[in-house]
Amino acid sequence: PNGDTCDCFKDDSGNVYLVISDGAGTGKNASEYSKATVRQVKELILGGVGAEESVKIVNSAMIMQGKEEFSATMDIAKINLDSGNVTLYKAGAGATLFRRNSSVSSVTAQTFPLGVSGNAECYSRCFSLKVNDMVALFSDGVPEEVYTIAKKEMMDSRKDVSDISGNICNVAQKVSNDDVSV
């Protein structure tokens, strides 16, 4: 079983959410942690709770279970289809790459995964999207040395998004023993 869980969903307010979570450990337990984390965050958001508040609620629930090994990263990109803004929410997640024109920048946050600390810090940052911008979320299984390749892939305007993410995953899987999601 894959310890990463990815989802994409839309709320009633015109926002699309891209979500990646990586459960602690490997195998079945990691898979269950990440799936439960994504499911709970999604249910809260679709129930009208804000993304940042949803992350904090899920963290509190994980802490209350009292299992040290029950933790998961959370990376959310909330894209408002009316305004064109994207807001990133990160808790223990890997870097996000953001392409605009001829440059790719990295967005990182020094935060803990959910379930590690009762004081969950959820980093958030908002960007205004323009035509041809690209946002790439990565699970922490994508090692830092692959980011240079990822940036090059994202700069190749002839490739579509599925080719870019597939190429990044293929390279990352060759150098990482962890689950990889892009």
N, C-alpha and C. Protein backbone atom coordinates (compact mmCIF):
# COMPACT_ATOMS: atom_id res chain seq x y z
N PRO A 1 0.83 -1.21 0.00
CA PRO A 1 0.00 0.00 0.00
C PRO A 1 0.86 1.26 0.00
N ASN A 2 0.37 2.26 -0.68
CA ASN A 2 1.07 3.54 -0.78
C ASN A 2 0.73 4.40 0.43
N GLY A 3 1.76 4.97 1.08
CA GLY A 3 1.55 5.83 2.24
C GLY A 3 1.11 7.23 1.89
N ASP A 4 1.09 7.57 0.59
CA ASP A 4 0.63 8.88 0.13
C ASP A 4 -0.83 8.79 -0.31
N THR A 5 -1.58 9.83 -0.03
CA THR A 5 -2.94 9.93 -0.53
C THR A 5 -3.10 11.30 -1.19
N CYS A 6 -3.63 11.30 -2.40
CA CYS A 6 -3.88 12.53 -3.15
C CYS A 6 -5.37 12.62 -3.44
N ASP A 7 -5.88 13.85 -3.46
CA ASP A 7 -7.28 14.05 -3.80
C ASP A 7 -7.44 15.41 -4.45
N CYS A 8 -8.49 15.54 -5.21
CA CYS A 8 -8.87 16.81 -5.83
C CYS A 8 -10.39 16.91 -5.71
N PHE A 9 -10.87 18.02 -5.19
CA PHE A 9 -12.31 18.19 -5.03
C PHE A 9 -12.67 19.66 -5.12
N LYS A 10 -13.95 19.93 -5.31
CA LYS A 10 -14.45 21.30 -5.46
C LYS A 10 -15.52 21.54 -4.40
N ASP A 11 -15.49 22.75 -3.79
CA ASP A 11 -16.53 23.09 -2.82
C ASP A 11 -17.65 23.88 -3.51
N ASP A 12 -18.65 24.28 -2.75
CA ASP A 12 -19.79 25.00 -3.30
C ASP A 12 -19.52 26.48 -3.56
N SER A 13 -18.32 26.95 -3.19
CA SER A 13 -17.98 28.37 -3.35
C SER A 13 -17.05 28.65 -4.53
N GLY A 14 -16.85 27.67 -5.40
CA GLY A 14 -16.00 27.88 -6.57
C GLY A 14 -14.53 27.69 -6.31
N ASN A 15 -14.17 26.90 -5.30
CA ASN A 15 -12.77 26.60 -5.00
C ASN A 15 -12.47 25.15 -5.33
N VAL A 16 -11.32 24.93 -5.94
CA VAL A 16 -10.83 23.58 -6.20
C VAL A 16 -9.68 23.35 -5.23
N TYR A 17 -9.64 22.16 -4.63
CA TYR A 17 -8.61 21.80 -3.66
C TYR A 17 -7.79 20.64 -4.20
N LEU A 18 -6.48 20.81 -4.19
CA LEU A 18 -5.54 19.73 -4.47
C LEU A 18 -4.90 19.39 -3.13
N VAL A 19 -4.90 18.11 -2.77
CA VAL A 19 -4.44 17.70 -1.45
C VAL A 19 -3.50 16.51 -1.57
N ILE A 20 -2.37 16.58 -0.83
CA ILE A 20 -1.47 15.43 -0.70
C ILE A 20 -1.17 15.26 0.79
N SER A 21 -1.26 14.02 1.25
CA SER A 21 -0.89 13.68 2.61
C SER A 21 0.00 12.44 2.57
N ASP A 22 1.01 12.43 3.43
CA ASP A 22 1.93 11.30 3.53
C ASP A 22 1.88 10.80 4.97
N GLY A 23 1.37 9.58 5.15
CA GLY A 23 1.27 8.99 6.48
C GLY A 23 2.63 8.56 6.99
N ALA A 24 2.82 8.67 8.30
CA ALA A 24 4.09 8.27 8.92
C ALA A 24 4.31 6.77 8.75
N GLY A 25 5.57 6.41 8.52
CA GLY A 25 5.91 5.01 8.37
C GLY A 25 5.71 4.53 6.95
N THR A 26 5.49 3.23 6.83
CA THR A 26 5.33 2.63 5.50
C THR A 26 4.19 1.62 5.54
N GLY A 27 3.81 1.18 4.37
CA GLY A 27 2.84 0.11 4.24
C GLY A 27 1.43 0.48 4.63
N LYS A 28 0.72 -0.52 5.17
CA LYS A 28 -0.70 -0.39 5.45
C LYS A 28 -1.01 0.75 6.44
N ASN A 29 -0.23 0.85 7.53
CA ASN A 29 -0.50 1.89 8.52
C ASN A 29 -0.34 3.28 7.92
N ALA A 30 0.73 3.52 7.18
CA ALA A 30 0.95 4.83 6.56
C ALA A 30 -0.18 5.15 5.59
N SER A 31 -0.61 4.15 4.85
CA SER A 31 -1.72 4.34 3.91
C SER A 31 -3.00 4.73 4.64
N GLU A 32 -3.29 4.04 5.72
CA GLU A 32 -4.50 4.34 6.49
C GLU A 32 -4.44 5.74 7.10
N TYR A 33 -3.26 6.14 7.62
CA TYR A 33 -3.11 7.47 8.23
C TYR A 33 -3.37 8.57 7.20
N SER A 34 -2.75 8.42 6.03
CA SER A 34 -2.90 9.48 5.03
C SER A 34 -4.33 9.52 4.48
N LYS A 35 -4.92 8.36 4.26
CA LYS A 35 -6.31 8.33 3.75
C LYS A 35 -7.27 8.96 4.75
N ALA A 36 -7.11 8.61 6.04
CA ALA A 36 -7.99 9.17 7.08
C ALA A 36 -7.79 10.68 7.19
N THR A 37 -6.55 11.13 7.10
CA THR A 37 -6.26 12.56 7.20
C THR A 37 -6.91 13.33 6.06
N VAL A 38 -6.74 12.85 4.84
CA VAL A 38 -7.35 13.52 3.68
C VAL A 38 -8.87 13.48 3.77
N ARG A 39 -9.42 12.33 4.13
CA ARG A 39 -10.87 12.20 4.22
C ARG A 39 -11.46 13.18 5.24
N GLN A 40 -10.82 13.28 6.42
CA GLN A 40 -11.33 14.16 7.46
C GLN A 40 -11.22 15.64 7.06
N VAL A 41 -10.09 16.02 6.49
CA VAL A 41 -9.92 17.41 6.05
C VAL A 41 -10.94 17.74 4.96
N LYS A 42 -11.11 16.83 4.02
CA LYS A 42 -12.07 17.04 2.93
C LYS A 42 -13.49 17.20 3.48
N GLU A 43 -13.89 16.32 4.39
CA GLU A 43 -15.24 16.39 4.97
C GLU A 43 -15.46 17.72 5.69
N LEU A 44 -14.47 18.18 6.43
CA LEU A 44 -14.59 19.45 7.15
C LEU A 44 -14.71 20.62 6.16
N ILE A 45 -13.86 20.64 5.14
CA ILE A 45 -13.90 21.72 4.16
C ILE A 45 -15.24 21.73 3.44
N LEU A 46 -15.69 20.55 3.00
CA LEU A 46 -16.97 20.49 2.29
C LEU A 46 -18.15 20.79 3.23
N GLY A 47 -17.93 20.67 4.52
CA GLY A 47 -18.94 21.03 5.51
C GLY A 47 -18.93 22.51 5.86
N GLY A 48 -18.02 23.27 5.25
CA GLY A 48 -18.00 24.72 5.45
C GLY A 48 -16.90 25.24 6.36
N VAL A 49 -16.05 24.36 6.86
CA VAL A 49 -14.94 24.79 7.72
C VAL A 49 -13.78 25.21 6.81
N GLY A 50 -13.08 26.27 7.15
CA GLY A 50 -11.94 26.74 6.36
C GLY A 50 -10.81 25.71 6.36
N ALA A 51 -9.95 25.78 5.36
CA ALA A 51 -8.86 24.82 5.22
C ALA A 51 -7.92 24.83 6.43
N GLU A 52 -7.50 26.00 6.86
CA GLU A 52 -6.57 26.09 7.98
C GLU A 52 -7.21 25.55 9.26
N GLU A 53 -8.46 25.90 9.49
CA GLU A 53 -9.17 25.41 10.67
C GLU A 53 -9.35 23.89 10.59
N SER A 54 -9.63 23.38 9.40
CA SER A 54 -9.78 21.93 9.21
C SER A 54 -8.51 21.19 9.57
N VAL A 55 -7.37 21.73 9.15
CA VAL A 55 -6.09 21.12 9.47
C VAL A 55 -5.88 21.08 10.99
N LYS A 56 -6.22 22.16 11.67
CA LYS A 56 -6.05 22.22 13.12
C LYS A 56 -6.99 21.25 13.84
N ILE A 57 -8.21 21.11 13.36
CA ILE A 57 -9.17 20.18 13.97
C ILE A 57 -8.68 18.74 13.81
N VAL A 58 -8.22 18.38 12.62
CA VAL A 58 -7.72 17.03 12.38
C VAL A 58 -6.48 16.77 13.24
N ASN A 59 -5.61 17.75 13.37
CA ASN A 59 -4.44 17.59 14.23
C ASN A 59 -4.87 17.30 15.66
N SER A 60 -5.83 18.06 16.17
CA SER A 60 -6.31 17.84 17.54
C SER A 60 -6.87 16.43 17.71
N ALA A 61 -7.62 15.97 16.73
CA ALA A 61 -8.18 14.62 16.79
C ALA A 61 -7.08 13.56 16.81
N MET A 62 -6.02 13.79 16.03
CA MET A 62 -4.90 12.84 16.00
C MET A 62 -4.18 12.82 17.35
N ILE A 63 -3.97 13.99 17.93
CA ILE A 63 -3.30 14.09 19.22
C ILE A 63 -4.12 13.37 20.29
N MET A 64 -5.44 13.54 20.25
CA MET A 64 -6.31 12.93 21.26
C MET A 64 -6.28 11.41 21.20
N GLN A 65 -5.97 10.85 20.02
CA GLN A 65 -5.88 9.39 19.92
C GLN A 65 -4.68 8.85 20.69
N GLY A 66 -3.68 9.72 20.91
CA GLY A 66 -2.55 9.36 21.75
C GLY A 66 -1.56 8.38 21.15
N LYS A 67 -1.62 8.14 19.87
CA LYS A 67 -0.66 7.23 19.23
C LYS A 67 0.44 8.07 18.61
N GLU A 68 1.66 7.91 19.13
CA GLU A 68 2.78 8.71 18.61
C GLU A 68 3.02 8.48 17.13
N GLU A 69 2.82 7.23 16.69
CA GLU A 69 3.11 6.92 15.29
C GLU A 69 2.01 7.39 14.33
N PHE A 70 0.90 7.88 14.87
CA PHE A 70 -0.21 8.33 14.03
C PHE A 70 0.01 9.78 13.65
N SER A 71 0.72 9.99 12.55
CA SER A 71 0.95 11.34 12.07
C SER A 71 0.96 11.32 10.55
N ALA A 72 0.75 12.49 9.95
CA ALA A 72 0.72 12.60 8.49
C ALA A 72 0.99 14.04 8.09
N THR A 73 1.68 14.20 6.99
CA THR A 73 1.85 15.54 6.43
C THR A 73 0.56 15.97 5.76
N MET A 74 0.41 17.27 5.56
CA MET A 74 -0.77 17.79 4.86
C MET A 74 -0.32 18.94 3.98
N ASP A 75 -0.63 18.86 2.70
CA ASP A 75 -0.31 19.90 1.73
C ASP A 75 -1.58 20.16 0.92
N ILE A 76 -2.06 21.39 0.98
CA ILE A 76 -3.30 21.76 0.29
C ILE A 76 -3.05 22.98 -0.59
N ALA A 77 -3.54 22.91 -1.82
CA ALA A 77 -3.59 24.09 -2.69
C ALA A 77 -5.06 24.37 -2.94
N LYS A 78 -5.53 25.51 -2.46
CA LYS A 78 -6.92 25.93 -2.65
C LYS A 78 -6.92 26.95 -3.78
N ILE A 79 -7.57 26.61 -4.87
CA ILE A 79 -7.59 27.47 -6.05
C ILE A 79 -8.99 28.06 -6.21
N ASN A 80 -9.08 29.38 -6.10
CA ASN A 80 -10.36 30.06 -6.28
C ASN A 80 -10.54 30.33 -7.77
N LEU A 81 -11.54 29.69 -8.37
CA LEU A 81 -11.74 29.78 -9.81
C LEU A 81 -12.26 31.15 -10.26
N ASP A 82 -12.84 31.92 -9.34
CA ASP A 82 -13.33 33.26 -9.69
C ASP A 82 -12.21 34.29 -9.67
N SER A 83 -11.41 34.29 -8.62
CA SER A 83 -10.36 35.31 -8.46
C SER A 83 -9.04 34.91 -9.12
N GLY A 84 -8.83 33.60 -9.31
CA GLY A 84 -7.56 33.14 -9.84
C GLY A 84 -6.48 33.04 -8.77
N ASN A 85 -6.86 33.15 -7.50
CA ASN A 85 -5.87 33.05 -6.42
C ASN A 85 -5.71 31.60 -6.00
N VAL A 86 -4.50 31.25 -5.59
CA VAL A 86 -4.23 29.96 -4.99
C VAL A 86 -3.64 30.21 -3.61
N THR A 87 -4.18 29.51 -2.62
CA THR A 87 -3.65 29.59 -1.27
C THR A 87 -3.10 28.22 -0.91
N LEU A 88 -1.83 28.22 -0.47
CA LEU A 88 -1.18 26.99 -0.04
C LEU A 88 -1.29 26.87 1.47
N TYR A 89 -1.60 25.67 1.94
CA TYR A 89 -1.64 25.34 3.36
C TYR A 89 -0.71 24.15 3.55
N LYS A 90 0.26 24.29 4.44
CA LYS A 90 1.27 23.25 4.60
C LYS A 90 1.46 22.91 6.08
N ALA A 91 1.49 21.60 6.36
CA ALA A 91 1.80 21.11 7.71
C ALA A 91 2.73 19.91 7.54
N GLY A 92 4.03 20.15 7.74
CA GLY A 92 5.01 19.09 7.61
C GLY A 92 5.25 18.61 6.20
N ALA A 93 4.73 19.33 5.23
CA ALA A 93 4.78 18.90 3.83
C ALA A 93 6.06 19.32 3.14
N GLY A 94 6.36 18.64 2.05
CA GLY A 94 7.51 18.99 1.22
C GLY A 94 7.28 20.32 0.52
N ALA A 95 8.29 20.76 -0.21
CA ALA A 95 8.21 22.05 -0.92
C ALA A 95 7.16 22.00 -2.02
N THR A 96 6.63 23.15 -2.34
CA THR A 96 5.75 23.34 -3.49
C THR A 96 6.50 24.19 -4.49
N LEU A 97 6.45 23.81 -5.76
CA LEU A 97 7.08 24.61 -6.80
C LEU A 97 6.00 25.41 -7.52
N PHE A 98 6.35 26.65 -7.86
CA PHE A 98 5.42 27.59 -8.48
C PHE A 98 6.11 28.18 -9.71
N ARG A 99 5.56 27.90 -10.91
CA ARG A 99 6.14 28.43 -12.13
C ARG A 99 5.35 29.64 -12.62
N ARG A 100 6.08 30.71 -12.89
CA ARG A 100 5.50 31.89 -13.51
C ARG A 100 6.50 32.39 -14.54
N ASN A 101 6.01 32.57 -15.77
CA ASN A 101 6.85 33.03 -16.89
C ASN A 101 8.09 32.16 -17.02
N SER A 102 9.26 32.73 -16.87
CA SER A 102 10.50 31.98 -17.09
C SER A 102 11.22 31.63 -15.79
N SER A 103 10.49 31.56 -14.68
CA SER A 103 11.15 31.19 -13.44
C SER A 103 10.26 30.24 -12.61
N VAL A 104 10.94 29.44 -11.81
CA VAL A 104 10.25 28.52 -10.90
C VAL A 104 10.78 28.81 -9.50
N SER A 105 9.87 29.09 -8.59
CA SER A 105 10.27 29.35 -7.20
C SER A 105 9.74 28.23 -6.31
N SER A 106 10.35 28.12 -5.15
CA SER A 106 10.01 27.08 -4.20
C SER A 106 9.35 27.71 -2.98
N VAL A 107 8.30 27.07 -2.49
CA VAL A 107 7.62 27.52 -1.28
C VAL A 107 7.78 26.40 -0.25
N THR A 108 8.47 26.71 0.84
CA THR A 108 8.67 25.73 1.90
C THR A 108 8.16 26.29 3.23
N ALA A 109 7.93 25.40 4.16
CA ALA A 109 7.47 25.81 5.49
C ALA A 109 8.04 24.86 6.52
N GLN A 110 8.59 25.40 7.56
CA GLN A 110 9.14 24.59 8.65
C GLN A 110 8.03 24.34 9.67
N THR A 111 7.20 23.36 9.38
CA THR A 111 6.09 23.01 10.26
C THR A 111 6.12 21.50 10.53
N PHE A 112 5.44 21.08 11.58
CA PHE A 112 5.37 19.67 11.92
C PHE A 112 4.21 19.00 11.19
N PRO A 113 4.33 17.69 10.93
CA PRO A 113 3.18 16.94 10.42
C PRO A 113 2.05 16.94 11.45
N LEU A 114 0.86 16.66 11.01
CA LEU A 114 -0.29 16.56 11.90
C LEU A 114 -0.11 15.35 12.82
N GLY A 115 -0.51 15.50 14.07
CA GLY A 115 -0.41 14.42 15.03
C GLY A 115 0.86 14.43 15.85
N VAL A 116 1.76 15.36 15.58
CA VAL A 116 3.04 15.42 16.29
C VAL A 116 3.00 16.39 17.46
N SER A 117 2.35 17.53 17.27
CA SER A 117 2.31 18.57 18.29
C SER A 117 0.88 19.07 18.48
N GLY A 118 0.50 19.29 19.72
CA GLY A 118 -0.83 19.81 20.00
C GLY A 118 -1.03 21.23 19.50
N ASN A 119 0.06 21.93 19.27
CA ASN A 119 0.03 23.30 18.76
C ASN A 119 0.32 23.28 17.26
N ALA A 120 -0.60 22.83 16.46
CA ALA A 120 -0.36 22.68 15.03
C ALA A 120 -0.18 24.03 14.36
N GLU A 121 0.97 24.19 13.74
CA GLU A 121 1.22 25.37 12.93
C GLU A 121 0.89 25.01 11.49
N CYS A 122 0.01 25.75 10.89
CA CYS A 122 -0.34 25.53 9.50
C CYS A 122 0.12 26.76 8.72
N TYR A 123 1.14 26.60 7.92
CA TYR A 123 1.66 27.68 7.10
C TYR A 123 0.67 27.95 5.97
N SER A 124 0.43 29.21 5.67
CA SER A 124 -0.41 29.54 4.52
C SER A 124 0.19 30.71 3.75
N ARG A 125 0.01 30.67 2.45
CA ARG A 125 0.50 31.73 1.58
C ARG A 125 -0.38 31.79 0.34
N CYS A 126 -0.73 33.00 -0.06
CA CYS A 126 -1.63 33.21 -1.20
C CYS A 126 -0.86 33.80 -2.38
N PHE A 127 -1.16 33.29 -3.57
CA PHE A 127 -0.60 33.79 -4.83
C PHE A 127 -1.73 34.10 -5.79
N SER A 128 -1.49 35.04 -6.65
CA SER A 128 -2.42 35.32 -7.74
C SER A 128 -1.94 34.55 -8.96
N LEU A 129 -2.80 33.70 -9.50
CA LEU A 129 -2.42 32.91 -10.67
C LEU A 129 -2.66 33.69 -11.95
N LYS A 130 -1.77 33.51 -12.90
CA LYS A 130 -1.88 34.09 -14.24
C LYS A 130 -1.96 32.94 -15.25
N VAL A 131 -2.31 33.25 -16.47
CA VAL A 131 -2.37 32.25 -17.53
C VAL A 131 -1.00 31.59 -17.66
N ASN A 132 -0.99 30.26 -17.77
CA ASN A 132 0.20 29.42 -17.93
C ASN A 132 1.05 29.26 -16.67
N ASP A 133 0.61 29.77 -15.52
CA ASP A 133 1.30 29.48 -14.27
C ASP A 133 1.09 28.00 -13.94
N MET A 134 1.97 27.47 -13.12
CA MET A 134 1.87 26.07 -12.73
C MET A 134 2.24 25.95 -11.26
N VAL A 135 1.47 25.13 -10.54
CA VAL A 135 1.74 24.83 -9.14
C VAL A 135 1.92 23.32 -9.04
N ALA A 136 3.02 22.89 -8.40
CA ALA A 136 3.29 21.46 -8.24
C ALA A 136 3.47 21.14 -6.77
N LEU A 137 2.63 20.24 -6.26
CA LEU A 137 2.74 19.74 -4.89
C LEU A 137 3.49 18.42 -4.93
N PHE A 138 4.34 18.19 -3.93
CA PHE A 138 5.14 16.97 -3.86
C PHE A 138 5.00 16.35 -2.49
N SER A 139 4.92 15.03 -2.45
CA SER A 139 5.04 14.37 -1.15
C SER A 139 6.50 14.42 -0.73
N ASP A 140 6.76 14.17 0.55
CA ASP A 140 8.14 14.28 1.02
C ASP A 140 9.02 13.13 0.53
N GLY A 141 8.44 12.20 -0.23
CA GLY A 141 9.23 11.14 -0.86
C GLY A 141 10.04 11.64 -2.04
N VAL A 142 9.75 12.85 -2.52
CA VAL A 142 10.53 13.45 -3.60
C VAL A 142 11.74 14.13 -2.95
N PRO A 143 12.95 13.55 -3.12
CA PRO A 143 14.12 14.13 -2.48
C PRO A 143 14.53 15.48 -3.08
N GLU A 144 15.21 16.28 -2.27
CA GLU A 144 15.60 17.62 -2.71
C GLU A 144 16.41 17.63 -3.98
N GLU A 145 17.26 16.60 -4.20
CA GLU A 145 18.08 16.59 -5.41
C GLU A 145 17.25 16.46 -6.68
N VAL A 146 15.99 16.06 -6.55
CA VAL A 146 15.11 15.94 -7.71
C VAL A 146 14.47 17.28 -8.07
N TYR A 147 14.50 18.24 -7.15
CA TYR A 147 13.86 19.53 -7.40
C TYR A 147 14.49 20.27 -8.58
N THR A 148 15.77 20.13 -8.80
CA THR A 148 16.42 20.76 -9.95
C THR A 148 15.83 20.20 -11.24
N ILE A 149 15.65 18.90 -11.29
CA ILE A 149 15.05 18.25 -12.46
C ILE A 149 13.59 18.67 -12.59
N ALA A 150 12.89 18.74 -11.46
CA ALA A 150 11.48 19.16 -11.48
C ALA A 150 11.34 20.56 -12.05
N LYS A 151 12.23 21.45 -11.66
CA LYS A 151 12.17 22.83 -12.17
C LYS A 151 12.39 22.86 -13.68
N LYS A 152 13.33 22.06 -14.17
CA LYS A 152 13.58 21.99 -15.62
C LYS A 152 12.36 21.44 -16.35
N GLU A 153 11.77 20.40 -15.79
CA GLU A 153 10.56 19.82 -16.39
C GLU A 153 9.43 20.85 -16.46
N MET A 154 9.26 21.61 -15.39
CA MET A 154 8.18 22.61 -15.34
C MET A 154 8.41 23.76 -16.32
N MET A 155 9.65 24.02 -16.67
CA MET A 155 9.96 25.12 -17.60
C MET A 155 9.74 24.73 -19.05
N ASP A 156 9.61 23.44 -19.34
CA ASP A 156 9.40 22.99 -20.72
C ASP A 156 7.93 23.15 -21.08
N SER A 157 7.62 24.23 -21.78
CA SER A 157 6.23 24.57 -22.10
C SER A 157 5.61 23.63 -23.14
N ARG A 158 6.42 22.78 -23.76
CA ARG A 158 5.88 21.85 -24.76
C ARG A 158 5.23 20.64 -24.10
N LYS A 159 5.51 20.40 -22.82
CA LYS A 159 4.99 19.22 -22.13
C LYS A 159 3.70 19.56 -21.40
N ASP A 160 2.81 18.56 -21.35
CA ASP A 160 1.60 18.79 -20.56
C ASP A 160 1.85 18.36 -19.12
N VAL A 161 0.92 18.71 -18.26
CA VAL A 161 1.09 18.51 -16.82
C VAL A 161 1.28 17.03 -16.46
N SER A 162 0.54 16.14 -17.11
CA SER A 162 0.68 14.71 -16.77
C SER A 162 2.06 14.18 -17.16
N ASP A 163 2.62 14.65 -18.27
CA ASP A 163 3.98 14.24 -18.65
C ASP A 163 5.00 14.77 -17.65
N ILE A 164 4.84 16.01 -17.24
CA ILE A 164 5.76 16.62 -16.29
C ILE A 164 5.73 15.86 -14.96
N SER A 165 4.53 15.63 -14.41
CA SER A 165 4.45 14.94 -13.12
C SER A 165 4.94 13.51 -13.23
N GLY A 166 4.64 12.85 -14.34
CA GLY A 166 5.12 11.48 -14.54
C GLY A 166 6.64 11.40 -14.60
N ASN A 167 7.26 12.33 -15.32
CA ASN A 167 8.72 12.35 -15.42
C ASN A 167 9.37 12.62 -14.06
N ILE A 168 8.80 13.55 -13.30
CA ILE A 168 9.34 13.85 -11.97
C ILE A 168 9.22 12.62 -11.08
N CYS A 169 8.08 11.95 -11.09
CA CYS A 169 7.88 10.74 -10.28
C CYS A 169 8.88 9.65 -10.67
N ASN A 170 9.08 9.45 -11.98
CA ASN A 170 10.02 8.41 -12.43
C ASN A 170 11.42 8.66 -11.91
N VAL A 171 11.89 9.90 -11.99
CA VAL A 171 13.23 10.24 -11.51
C VAL A 171 13.28 10.06 -9.99
N ALA A 172 12.27 10.56 -9.28
CA ALA A 172 12.27 10.48 -7.81
C ALA A 172 12.25 9.03 -7.33
N GLN A 173 11.50 8.17 -8.00
CA GLN A 173 11.42 6.77 -7.58
C GLN A 173 12.75 6.04 -7.73
N LYS A 174 13.61 6.52 -8.62
CA LYS A 174 14.91 5.89 -8.82
C LYS A 174 15.88 6.22 -7.70
N VAL A 175 15.67 7.35 -7.00
CA VAL A 175 16.62 7.77 -5.95
C VAL A 175 15.99 7.78 -4.55
N SER A 176 14.73 7.39 -4.42
CA SER A 176 14.05 7.44 -3.13
C SER A 176 13.47 6.08 -2.79
N ASN A 177 13.51 5.74 -1.51
CA ASN A 177 12.88 4.50 -1.03
C ASN A 177 11.49 4.76 -0.48
N ASP A 178 11.07 6.02 -0.51
CA ASP A 178 9.77 6.43 0.05
C ASP A 178 8.72 6.44 -1.07
N ASP A 179 7.46 6.53 -0.67
CA ASP A 179 6.39 6.72 -1.64
C ASP A 179 6.54 8.10 -2.26
N VAL A 180 6.21 8.21 -3.55
CA VAL A 180 6.40 9.45 -4.29
C VAL A 180 5.07 9.86 -4.92
N SER A 181 4.66 11.10 -4.69
CA SER A 181 3.47 11.66 -5.33
C SER A 181 3.76 13.08 -5.80
N VAL A 182 3.29 13.41 -7.01
CA VAL A 182 3.44 14.74 -7.58
C VAL A 182 2.07 15.16 -8.09
